[in-house]
Structure formats: structure tokens, C-alpha cells
């Protein structure tokens, strides 16, 4: 996997090159580049004090994905979790010196959903943990660079995208709409199309689990707002709950698996 080291302030190229050598030793190909030269889907390391200026040069429509692939370095300890939460970052690294990349103890702030049941969580208080982020280490990695490599491997696995193309939908006699999902971390797997007739995609949990995700076109007689709401209530088995909001023109939906109960069934119509 290739990793980009974003150089912001002048004079940091030498530091970035030294970090790059440590990362290469852990199996991470590292390339020094300016923020605007890094592909939006590529993982990048950037100093926290360079983050805002780099982000300002990224197209608005690409910023969310850019941040999802960003690991910040050297944010103040009391602010690091807030920064991760505020921007939806991939993670954060604490290190006082370049030499820390080749040494232990190797700890970094990561997304909890990515490394669940892997490595070790380090207990923290206050700003050092949140619902989505925590301080984590892989005891088998041996170094900070090695722990980062392990974390990025786990993230790539969970970030793998499931695409239902408009052409596939049309072949299955559905309106030609493209769906892109990243089910990593949810514990859900795709039910084969042969067993999900009438749906763009059906994701199900392991036998005995009740969680699922369903996406289907609304029937013609239910496309008005009141019809969609009644359909959603039936699917959620919640006939008398709070008012449901109808959203149109959705480009992106993120479902948090840690917020689901065993009886929940996220749906998309």
C-alpha cells in the first residue's frame, strides 16, 4: 500500500523523508507530496497544524472522502479526539521525534469500528476516547510505523466498496440507479441477487442475527411521501413512532454499525 506524506510548511521535507524511511521499513511505500498532488482516495499523513490550509485547497465535493483517508500527526493530546470527530479523520498519531516511528510503545488513535477485536485498546479518560475513536496498539507490530501499517491493512479491508451498477440494476428490471456501499465493520454480507429479487441489494448478518440492510425502489403507488412513510414503518415494525423525515437527492449515507441493536433493520427505499 502506498502512503503519501503531505509537506505543508517549508523546511519539513527532510523530516518527511526520515519518516518515509521508517514507514518503508514497515512495508508502507511512502511518497512525499504537496496536498493537492495526492489522489483523494489515497491515504495521507499530514501534520495537524497543516490540516486546515491543505483542506482549503481541496474541492468541496471531495473533502469528506479526503478527510476519511487522512491521518494527522502531532495534534495536542487534549484536542486530538475532538479533531478526529470534527473532521471524520482516519486516525491520528502521537510522536515527539522522527525516531519514534521505528520504536515502541506504538500507539495511535483509530476508528473503533475498523479494529474491533484486533490489537489492544489503551484505557484513556476524557478527550482520549469517544464513541468512534480510541487509543489503540498492535502488540505484534513492534513499532509505530508497524502499528500504522497494521491499522491501514484493517481499514482497507473494511473500506472495500460494494458497487451495484445502474447496468446491473437494469438487467434485474430495476430503475437504473447506482448504489455504492462500504459494509466493512458492520458484520453484514451480501445476499446473492438470485435470493433478493426486487431489491438492489440485501445485506444480512450471520445466522441468528437480526440486523439487515435492504434497498429497493418504491412501488409506484407508494412514491408519495405518505406512502413511503407507511412502507418504512411496516419494514421497521414501528407503526406509531415519531414522524419520519423524507429526504430527496441523497448522495451519501453513512450507517454506524455500533448504533444498531440486534433487532434493528436499517432500510433504504
C-alpha atoms as a PDB file:
ATOM      1  CA  UNK A   1       0.000   0.000   0.000  1.00  0.00           C
ATOM      2  CA  UNK A   2       1.331   3.439  -0.852  1.00  0.00           C
ATOM      3  CA  UNK A   3       1.147   6.222   1.688  1.00  0.00           C
ATOM      4  CA  UNK A   4       1.631   9.930   0.986  1.00  0.00           C
ATOM      5  CA  UNK A   5       3.446  12.291   3.340  1.00  0.00           C
ATOM      6  CA  UNK A   6       1.991  15.752   2.874  1.00  0.00           C
ATOM      7  CA  UNK A   7       4.554  18.520   3.373  1.00  0.00           C
ATOM      8  CA  UNK A   8       2.994  21.824   4.369  1.00  0.00           C
ATOM      9  CA  UNK A   9       5.428  24.288   5.886  1.00  0.00           C
ATOM     10  CA  UNK A  10       8.796  24.809   4.160  1.00  0.00           C
ATOM     11  CA  UNK A  11      11.757  23.045   5.748  1.00  0.00           C
ATOM     12  CA  UNK A  12       9.934  19.823   6.636  1.00  0.00           C
ATOM     13  CA  UNK A  13      10.983  17.807   3.592  1.00  0.00           C
ATOM     14  CA  UNK A  14      13.953  16.306   5.458  1.00  0.00           C
ATOM     15  CA  UNK A  15      11.727  15.270   8.364  1.00  0.00           C
ATOM     16  CA  UNK A  16       9.209  13.744   5.926  1.00  0.00           C
ATOM     17  CA  UNK A  17      11.975  11.784   4.181  1.00  0.00           C
ATOM     18  CA  UNK A  18      13.109  10.319   7.522  1.00  0.00           C
ATOM     19  CA  UNK A  19       9.532   9.297   8.372  1.00  0.00           C
ATOM     20  CA  UNK A  20       9.228   7.804   4.889  1.00  0.00           C
ATOM     21  CA  UNK A  21      12.252   5.582   5.508  1.00  0.00           C
ATOM     22  CA  UNK A  22      10.728   4.280   8.751  1.00  0.00           C
ATOM     23  CA  UNK A  23       7.430   3.580   7.023  1.00  0.00           C
ATOM     24  CA  UNK A  24       9.140   1.762   4.157  1.00  0.00           C
ATOM     25  CA  UNK A  25      10.811  -0.449   6.748  1.00  0.00           C
ATOM     26  CA  UNK A  26       7.318  -1.457   7.927  1.00  0.00           C
ATOM     27  CA  UNK A  27       6.192  -2.306   4.393  1.00  0.00           C
ATOM     28  CA  UNK A  28       4.493   1.006   3.638  1.00  0.00           C
ATOM     29  CA  UNK A  29       5.643   2.673   0.452  1.00  0.00           C
ATOM     30  CA  UNK A  30       5.782   6.379   1.301  1.00  0.00           C
ATOM     31  CA  UNK A  31       5.903   9.313  -1.101  1.00  0.00           C
ATOM     32  CA  UNK A  32       6.398  12.966  -0.207  1.00  0.00           C
ATOM     33  CA  UNK A  33       3.924  15.272  -1.961  1.00  0.00           C
ATOM     34  CA  UNK A  34       2.007  18.522  -1.676  1.00  0.00           C
ATOM     35  CA  UNK A  35      -1.619  18.236  -0.526  1.00  0.00           C
ATOM     36  CA  UNK A  36      -3.066  18.929  -3.978  1.00  0.00           C
ATOM     37  CA  UNK A  37      -0.945  16.218  -5.586  1.00  0.00           C
ATOM     38  CA  UNK A  38      -2.384  13.351  -3.515  1.00  0.00           C
ATOM     39  CA  UNK A  39      -5.293  11.357  -5.044  1.00  0.00           C
ATOM     40  CA  UNK A  40      -8.439  11.835  -2.997  1.00  0.00           C
ATOM     41  CA  UNK A  41      -8.715   8.082  -2.240  1.00  0.00           C
ATOM     42  CA  UNK A  42      -5.064   7.715  -1.188  1.00  0.00           C
ATOM     43  CA  UNK A  43      -4.057   7.569   2.462  1.00  0.00           C
ATOM     44  CA  UNK A  44      -2.065  10.599   3.584  1.00  0.00           C
ATOM     45  CA  UNK A  45      -0.152  11.637   6.695  1.00  0.00           C
ATOM     46  CA  UNK A  46      -0.277  15.342   7.470  1.00  0.00           C
ATOM     47  CA  UNK A  47       0.769  17.421  10.444  1.00  0.00           C
ATOM     48  CA  UNK A  48      -2.216  18.751  12.379  1.00  0.00           C
ATOM     49  CA  UNK A  49      -1.098  22.354  12.005  1.00  0.00           C
ATOM     50  CA  UNK A  50      -1.100  21.952   8.197  1.00  0.00           C
ATOM     51  CA  UNK A  51      -4.543  20.355   8.006  1.00  0.00           C
ATOM     52  CA  UNK A  52      -6.737  23.433   7.564  1.00  0.00           C
ATOM     53  CA  UNK A  53      -4.560  25.054   4.905  1.00  0.00           C
ATOM     54  CA  UNK A  54      -4.338  21.790   2.949  1.00  0.00           C
ATOM     55  CA  UNK A  55      -8.091  21.181   3.193  1.00  0.00           C
ATOM     56  CA  UNK A  56      -8.815  24.649   1.849  1.00  0.00           C
ATOM     57  CA  UNK A  57      -7.297  23.609  -1.484  1.00  0.00           C
ATOM     58  CA  UNK A  58      -9.500  20.510  -1.882  1.00  0.00           C
ATOM     59  CA  UNK A  59     -12.701  20.704  -3.924  1.00  0.00           C
ATOM     60  CA  UNK A  60     -15.757  20.848  -1.673  1.00  0.00           C
ATOM     61  CA  UNK A  61     -17.287  17.698  -3.137  1.00  0.00           C
ATOM     62  CA  UNK A  62     -14.113  15.708  -2.400  1.00  0.00           C
ATOM     63  CA  UNK A  63     -13.426  16.930   1.129  1.00  0.00           C
ATOM     64  CA  UNK A  64     -15.353  14.261   3.029  1.00  0.00           C
ATOM     65  CA  UNK A  65     -13.514  11.417   1.285  1.00  0.00           C
ATOM     66  CA  UNK A  66     -10.198  13.300   1.543  1.00  0.00           C
ATOM     67  CA  UNK A  67     -10.633  13.514   5.311  1.00  0.00           C
ATOM     68  CA  UNK A  68     -11.688   9.859   5.585  1.00  0.00           C
ATOM     69  CA  UNK A  69      -8.278   8.946   4.178  1.00  0.00           C
ATOM     70  CA  UNK A  70      -6.264  11.355   6.358  1.00  0.00           C
ATOM     71  CA  UNK A  71      -4.119  10.544   9.398  1.00  0.00           C
ATOM     72  CA  UNK A  72      -2.954  13.605  11.328  1.00  0.00           C
ATOM     73  CA  UNK A  73       0.308  13.793  13.232  1.00  0.00           C
ATOM     74  CA  UNK A  74       1.220  15.731  16.377  1.00  0.00           C
ATOM     75  CA  UNK A  75      -2.087  17.240  17.377  1.00  0.00           C
ATOM     76  CA  UNK A  76      -2.166  18.383  21.018  1.00  0.00           C
ATOM     77  CA  UNK A  77      -3.140  15.463  23.250  1.00  0.00           C
ATOM     78  CA  UNK A  78      -6.156  17.239  24.737  1.00  0.00           C
ATOM     79  CA  UNK A  79      -7.521  18.088  21.268  1.00  0.00           C
ATOM     80  CA  UNK A  80      -6.780  15.016  19.187  1.00  0.00           C
ATOM     81  CA  UNK A  81     -10.088  13.197  19.701  1.00  0.00           C
ATOM     82  CA  UNK A  82     -12.079  16.371  19.076  1.00  0.00           C
ATOM     83  CA  UNK A  83     -10.183  16.925  15.825  1.00  0.00           C
ATOM     84  CA  UNK A  84     -10.870  13.353  14.667  1.00  0.00           C
ATOM     85  CA  UNK A  85     -14.572  13.690  15.497  1.00  0.00           C
ATOM     86  CA  UNK A  86     -14.902  17.129  13.923  1.00  0.00           C
ATOM     87  CA  UNK A  87     -13.459  16.092  10.569  1.00  0.00           C
ATOM     88  CA  UNK A  88     -14.190  12.337  10.419  1.00  0.00           C
ATOM     89  CA  UNK A  89     -10.490  11.518  10.087  1.00  0.00           C
ATOM     90  CA  UNK A  90      -8.988   8.097   9.524  1.00  0.00           C
ATOM     91  CA  UNK A  91      -6.877   8.483  12.651  1.00  0.00           C
ATOM     92  CA  UNK A  92      -4.115  10.364  14.439  1.00  0.00           C
ATOM     93  CA  UNK A  93      -0.552   9.687  15.542  1.00  0.00           C
ATOM     94  CA  UNK A  94       1.325  10.996  18.563  1.00  0.00           C
ATOM     95  CA  UNK A  95       5.095  11.193  18.228  1.00  0.00           C
ATOM     96  CA  UNK A  96       7.651  13.594  19.668  1.00  0.00           C
ATOM     97  CA  UNK A  97      10.538  12.781  17.348  1.00  0.00           C
ATOM     98  CA  UNK A  98      11.137  11.168  13.951  1.00  0.00           C
ATOM     99  CA  UNK A  99      12.920   8.307  15.721  1.00  0.00           C
ATOM    100  CA  UNK A 100       9.604   7.374  17.401  1.00  0.00           C
ATOM    101  CA  UNK A 101       8.383   5.869  14.118  1.00  0.00           C
ATOM    102  CA  UNK A 102      10.845   2.990  14.436  1.00  0.00           C
ATOM    103  CA  UNK A 103      10.288   2.367  18.139  1.00  0.00           C
ATOM    104  CA  UNK A 104       7.652   1.349  20.638  1.00  0.00           C
ATOM    105  CA  UNK A 105       5.398   1.571  22.519  1.00  0.00           C
ATOM    106  CA  UNK A 106       3.365   2.004  19.349  1.00  0.00           C
ATOM    107  CA  UNK A 107       0.073   3.778  19.982  1.00  0.00           C
ATOM    108  CA  UNK A 108      -2.249   5.640  17.645  1.00  0.00           C
ATOM    109  CA  UNK A 109      -5.781   6.974  17.619  1.00  0.00           C
ATOM    110  CA  UNK A 110      -8.027   4.896  15.370  1.00  0.00           C
ATOM    111  CA  UNK A 111     -11.614   4.324  14.349  1.00  0.00           C
ATOM    112  CA  UNK A 112     -13.063   1.756  16.726  1.00  0.00           C
ATOM    113  CA  UNK A 113     -15.201   0.131  14.022  1.00  0.00           C
ATOM    114  CA  UNK A 114     -12.087  -0.717  11.973  1.00  0.00           C
ATOM    115  CA  UNK A 115     -10.094  -2.619  14.595  1.00  0.00           C
ATOM    116  CA  UNK A 116     -12.822  -4.157  16.718  1.00  0.00           C
ATOM    117  CA  UNK A 117     -11.479  -7.370  18.343  1.00  0.00           C
ATOM    118  CA  UNK A 118      -7.988  -6.720  16.932  1.00  0.00           C
ATOM    119  CA  UNK A 119      -4.968  -5.432  18.823  1.00  0.00           C
ATOM    120  CA  UNK A 120      -5.315  -3.793  22.223  1.00  0.00           C
ATOM    121  CA  UNK A 121      -7.238  -0.760  23.438  1.00  0.00           C
ATOM    122  CA  UNK A 122      -5.391   1.562  25.786  1.00  0.00           C
ATOM    123  CA  UNK A 123      -7.615   2.912  28.528  1.00  0.00           C
ATOM    124  CA  UNK A 124      -7.986   6.664  28.452  1.00  0.00           C
ATOM    125  CA  UNK A 125     -10.048   9.349  30.075  1.00  0.00           C
ATOM    126  CA  UNK A 126     -11.796  12.491  28.888  1.00  0.00           C
ATOM    127  CA  UNK A 127     -10.583  13.618  25.475  1.00  0.00           C
ATOM    128  CA  UNK A 128      -8.588  10.410  24.835  1.00  0.00           C
ATOM    129  CA  UNK A 129     -11.620   8.356  23.838  1.00  0.00           C
ATOM    130  CA  UNK A 130     -15.007   8.869  22.201  1.00  0.00           C
ATOM    131  CA  UNK A 131     -17.775   6.711  20.796  1.00  0.00           C
ATOM    132  CA  UNK A 132     -15.962   6.459  17.453  1.00  0.00           C
ATOM    133  CA  UNK A 133     -12.254   6.839  18.286  1.00  0.00           C
ATOM    134  CA  UNK A 134      -9.849   5.401  20.830  1.00  0.00           C
ATOM    135  CA  UNK A 135      -6.161   4.890  21.573  1.00  0.00           C
ATOM    136  CA  UNK A 136      -5.007   1.552  20.150  1.00  0.00           C
ATOM    137  CA  UNK A 137      -1.902  -0.570  19.721  1.00  0.00           C
ATOM    138  CA  UNK A 138      -0.933  -3.758  17.925  1.00  0.00           C
ATOM    139  CA  UNK A 139       1.490  -5.522  20.294  1.00  0.00           C
ATOM    140  CA  UNK A 140       2.828  -7.685  17.470  1.00  0.00           C
ATOM    141  CA  UNK A 141       3.795  -4.752  15.266  1.00  0.00           C
ATOM    142  CA  UNK A 142       6.887  -3.720  17.233  1.00  0.00           C
ATOM    143  CA  UNK A 143       6.966  -0.068  16.154  1.00  0.00           C
ATOM    144  CA  UNK A 144       4.765   2.914  15.486  1.00  0.00           C
ATOM    145  CA  UNK A 145       5.265   2.508  11.724  1.00  0.00           C
ATOM    146  CA  UNK A 146       4.362  -1.175  12.031  1.00  0.00           C
ATOM    147  CA  UNK A 147       1.187  -0.425  14.016  1.00  0.00           C
ATOM    148  CA  UNK A 148       0.141   2.129  11.413  1.00  0.00           C
ATOM    149  CA  UNK A 149       0.723  -0.456   8.668  1.00  0.00           C
ATOM    150  CA  UNK A 150      -1.481  -2.982  10.509  1.00  0.00           C
ATOM    151  CA  UNK A 151      -4.215  -0.410  11.049  1.00  0.00           C
ATOM    152  CA  UNK A 152      -4.225   0.639   7.396  1.00  0.00           C
ATOM    153  CA  UNK A 153      -4.461  -3.024   6.343  1.00  0.00           C
ATOM    154  CA  UNK A 154      -7.552  -3.425   8.543  1.00  0.00           C
ATOM    155  CA  UNK A 155      -9.014  -0.203   7.184  1.00  0.00           C
ATOM    156  CA  UNK A 156      -8.506  -1.170   3.539  1.00  0.00           C
ATOM    157  CA  UNK A 157     -10.343  -4.404   4.284  1.00  0.00           C
ATOM    158  CA  UNK A 158     -13.264  -2.558   5.877  1.00  0.00           C
ATOM    159  CA  UNK A 159     -13.233   0.199   3.236  1.00  0.00           C
ATOM    160  CA  UNK A 160     -13.698  -2.204   0.315  1.00  0.00           C
ATOM    161  CA  UNK A 161     -16.609  -0.912  -1.740  1.00  0.00           C
ATOM    162  CA  UNK A 162     -19.586  -2.937  -2.925  1.00  0.00           C
ATOM    163  CA  UNK A 163     -20.965  -1.461  -6.167  1.00  0.00           C
ATOM    164  CA  UNK A 164     -24.359  -2.235  -7.680  1.00  0.00           C
ATOM    165  CA  UNK A 165     -24.130  -0.523 -11.047  1.00  0.00           C
ATOM    166  CA  UNK A 166     -27.023   1.080 -12.907  1.00  0.00           C
ATOM    167  CA  UNK A 167     -26.461  -1.524 -15.665  1.00  0.00           C
ATOM    168  CA  UNK A 168     -26.790  -4.383 -13.191  1.00  0.00           C
ATOM    169  CA  UNK A 169     -29.957  -2.826 -11.752  1.00  0.00           C
ATOM    170  CA  UNK A 170     -31.438  -2.507 -15.229  1.00  0.00           C
ATOM    171  CA  UNK A 171     -30.610  -6.139 -16.059  1.00  0.00           C
ATOM    172  CA  UNK A 172     -32.541  -7.097 -12.942  1.00  0.00           C
ATOM    173  CA  UNK A 173     -35.520  -4.988 -14.137  1.00  0.00           C
ATOM    174  CA  UNK A 174     -34.992  -2.237 -11.549  1.00  0.00           C
ATOM    175  CA  UNK A 175     -34.707   1.514 -12.173  1.00  0.00           C
ATOM    176  CA  UNK A 176     -31.130   2.242 -13.334  1.00  0.00           C
ATOM    177  CA  UNK A 177     -29.691   3.654 -10.097  1.00  0.00           C
ATOM    178  CA  UNK A 178     -26.116   3.011  -8.952  1.00  0.00           C
ATOM    179  CA  UNK A 179     -25.523   2.117  -5.290  1.00  0.00           C
ATOM    180  CA  UNK A 180     -22.123   2.144  -3.585  1.00  0.00           C
ATOM    181  CA  UNK A 181     -21.774   0.641  -0.112  1.00  0.00           C
ATOM    182  CA  UNK A 182     -18.909   0.001   2.281  1.00  0.00           C
ATOM    183  CA  UNK A 183     -20.230  -2.744   4.590  1.00  0.00           C
ATOM    184  CA  UNK A 184     -16.885  -3.264   6.340  1.00  0.00           C
ATOM    185  CA  UNK A 185     -17.204  -3.254  10.123  1.00  0.00           C
ATOM    186  CA  UNK A 186     -20.950  -3.951  10.080  1.00  0.00           C
ATOM    187  CA  UNK A 187     -20.719  -7.740  10.144  1.00  0.00           C
ATOM    188  CA  UNK A 188     -23.164  -7.858   7.211  1.00  0.00           C
ATOM    189  CA  UNK A 189     -22.625  -9.785   3.984  1.00  0.00           C
ATOM    190  CA  UNK A 190     -24.417  -9.549   0.658  1.00  0.00           C
ATOM    191  CA  UNK A 191     -27.242 -11.977  -0.019  1.00  0.00           C
ATOM    192  CA  UNK A 192     -26.850 -13.283  -3.605  1.00  0.00           C
ATOM    193  CA  UNK A 193     -29.020 -11.411  -6.142  1.00  0.00           C
ATOM    194  CA  UNK A 194     -30.804 -14.654  -7.003  1.00  0.00           C
ATOM    195  CA  UNK A 195     -32.221 -14.639  -3.463  1.00  0.00           C
ATOM    196  CA  UNK A 196     -33.008 -10.916  -3.306  1.00  0.00           C
ATOM    197  CA  UNK A 197     -35.347 -10.418  -6.267  1.00  0.00           C
ATOM    198  CA  UNK A 198     -36.858  -6.950  -6.376  1.00  0.00           C
ATOM    199  CA  UNK A 199     -34.061  -5.367  -4.314  1.00  0.00           C
ATOM    200  CA  UNK A 200     -30.952  -3.516  -5.405  1.00  0.00           C
ATOM    201  CA  UNK A 201     -29.079  -5.156  -2.565  1.00  0.00           C
ATOM    202  CA  UNK A 202     -29.796  -7.103   0.596  1.00  0.00           C
ATOM    203  CA  UNK A 203     -27.187  -7.401   3.331  1.00  0.00           C
ATOM    204  CA  UNK A 204     -27.710  -9.881   6.139  1.00  0.00           C
ATOM    205  CA  UNK A 205     -25.963 -10.824   9.358  1.00  0.00           C
ATOM    206  CA  UNK A 206     -24.714 -14.229  10.439  1.00  0.00           C
ATOM    207  CA  UNK A 207     -27.324 -16.921  11.215  1.00  0.00           C
ATOM    208  CA  UNK A 208     -29.148 -15.957  14.382  1.00  0.00           C
ATOM    209  CA  UNK A 209     -28.507 -12.235  13.922  1.00  0.00           C
ATOM    210  CA  UNK A 210     -31.375  -9.872  13.219  1.00  0.00           C
ATOM    211  CA  UNK A 211     -29.576  -6.923  11.599  1.00  0.00           C
ATOM    212  CA  UNK A 212     -30.057  -6.307   7.890  1.00  0.00           C
ATOM    213  CA  UNK A 213     -29.875  -3.624   5.221  1.00  0.00           C
ATOM    214  CA  UNK A 214     -32.351  -3.551   2.322  1.00  0.00           C
ATOM    215  CA  UNK A 215     -32.504  -1.234  -0.683  1.00  0.00           C
ATOM    216  CA  UNK A 216     -35.352  -1.352  -3.177  1.00  0.00           C
ATOM    217  CA  UNK A 217     -37.288   1.029  -5.444  1.00  0.00           C
ATOM    218  CA  UNK A 218     -40.537   2.353  -4.044  1.00  0.00           C
ATOM    219  CA  UNK A 219     -43.620   0.769  -5.640  1.00  0.00           C
ATOM    220  CA  UNK A 220     -45.442   3.207  -7.996  1.00  0.00           C
ATOM    221  CA  UNK A 221     -48.398   3.634  -5.666  1.00  0.00           C
ATOM    222  CA  UNK A 222     -46.135   4.434  -2.690  1.00  0.00           C
ATOM    223  CA  UNK A 223     -43.926   7.138  -4.164  1.00  0.00           C
ATOM    224  CA  UNK A 224     -45.818   9.942  -2.498  1.00  0.00           C
ATOM    225  CA  UNK A 225     -44.425  10.917   0.909  1.00  0.00           C
ATOM    226  CA  UNK A 226     -47.260   9.390   2.920  1.00  0.00           C
ATOM    227  CA  UNK A 227     -46.941   6.060   1.080  1.00  0.00           C
ATOM    228  CA  UNK A 228     -43.194   5.905   1.651  1.00  0.00           C
ATOM    229  CA  UNK A 229     -43.630   6.614   5.335  1.00  0.00           C
ATOM    230  CA  UNK A 230     -46.143   3.815   5.790  1.00  0.00           C
ATOM    231  CA  UNK A 231     -43.869   1.416   3.906  1.00  0.00           C
ATOM    232  CA  UNK A 232     -40.906   2.391   6.107  1.00  0.00           C
ATOM    233  CA  UNK A 233     -42.997   1.940   9.253  1.00  0.00           C
ATOM    234  CA  UNK A 234     -44.061  -1.531   8.190  1.00  0.00           C
ATOM    235  CA  UNK A 235     -40.452  -2.522   7.441  1.00  0.00           C
ATOM    236  CA  UNK A 236     -39.266  -1.104  10.769  1.00  0.00           C
ATOM    237  CA  UNK A 237     -42.216  -2.654  12.626  1.00  0.00           C
ATOM    238  CA  UNK A 238     -42.864   0.744  14.152  1.00  0.00           C
ATOM    239  CA  UNK A 239     -46.397   1.857  13.235  1.00  0.00           C
ATOM    240  CA  UNK A 240     -46.668   4.632  15.848  1.00  0.00           C
ATOM    241  CA  UNK A 241     -43.284   6.266  16.295  1.00  0.00           C
ATOM    242  CA  UNK A 242     -42.051   9.834  15.873  1.00  0.00           C
ATOM    243  CA  UNK A 243     -42.522  11.470  12.491  1.00  0.00           C
ATOM    244  CA  UNK A 244     -40.181  10.169   9.790  1.00  0.00           C
ATOM    245  CA  UNK A 245     -38.464  12.679   7.522  1.00  0.00           C
ATOM    246  CA  UNK A 246     -38.383  12.130   3.759  1.00  0.00           C
ATOM    247  CA  UNK A 247     -35.090  13.126   2.121  1.00  0.00           C
ATOM    248  CA  UNK A 248     -34.561  13.572  -1.596  1.00  0.00           C
ATOM    249  CA  UNK A 249     -31.430  13.828  -3.695  1.00  0.00           C
ATOM    250  CA  UNK A 250     -29.331  11.750  -1.307  1.00  0.00           C
ATOM    251  CA  UNK A 251     -25.730  11.431  -2.453  1.00  0.00           C
ATOM    252  CA  UNK A 252     -24.204   9.848   0.622  1.00  0.00           C
ATOM    253  CA  UNK A 253     -25.482   7.884   3.621  1.00  0.00           C
ATOM    254  CA  UNK A 254     -23.353   6.596   6.465  1.00  0.00           C
ATOM    255  CA  UNK A 255     -24.747   3.934   8.798  1.00  0.00           C
ATOM    256  CA  UNK A 256     -22.953   3.444  12.118  1.00  0.00           C
ATOM    257  CA  UNK A 257     -22.981  -0.281  12.980  1.00  0.00           C
ATOM    258  CA  UNK A 258     -22.224   0.420  16.649  1.00  0.00           C
ATOM    259  CA  UNK A 259     -25.558   2.247  16.873  1.00  0.00           C
ATOM    260  CA  UNK A 260     -27.598  -0.761  15.727  1.00  0.00           C
ATOM    261  CA  UNK A 261     -29.316  -3.081  18.161  1.00  0.00           C
ATOM    262  CA  UNK A 262     -29.808  -6.761  17.380  1.00  0.00           C
ATOM    263  CA  UNK A 263     -33.417  -6.064  16.440  1.00  0.00           C
ATOM    264  CA  UNK A 264     -32.730  -3.084  14.210  1.00  0.00           C
ATOM    265  CA  UNK A 265     -33.190  -3.220  10.455  1.00  0.00           C
ATOM    266  CA  UNK A 266     -31.757  -0.232   8.557  1.00  0.00           C
ATOM    267  CA  UNK A 267     -33.623   0.190   5.292  1.00  0.00           C
ATOM    268  CA  UNK A 268     -33.414   2.271   2.165  1.00  0.00           C
ATOM    269  CA  UNK A 269     -36.333   2.731  -0.217  1.00  0.00           C
END
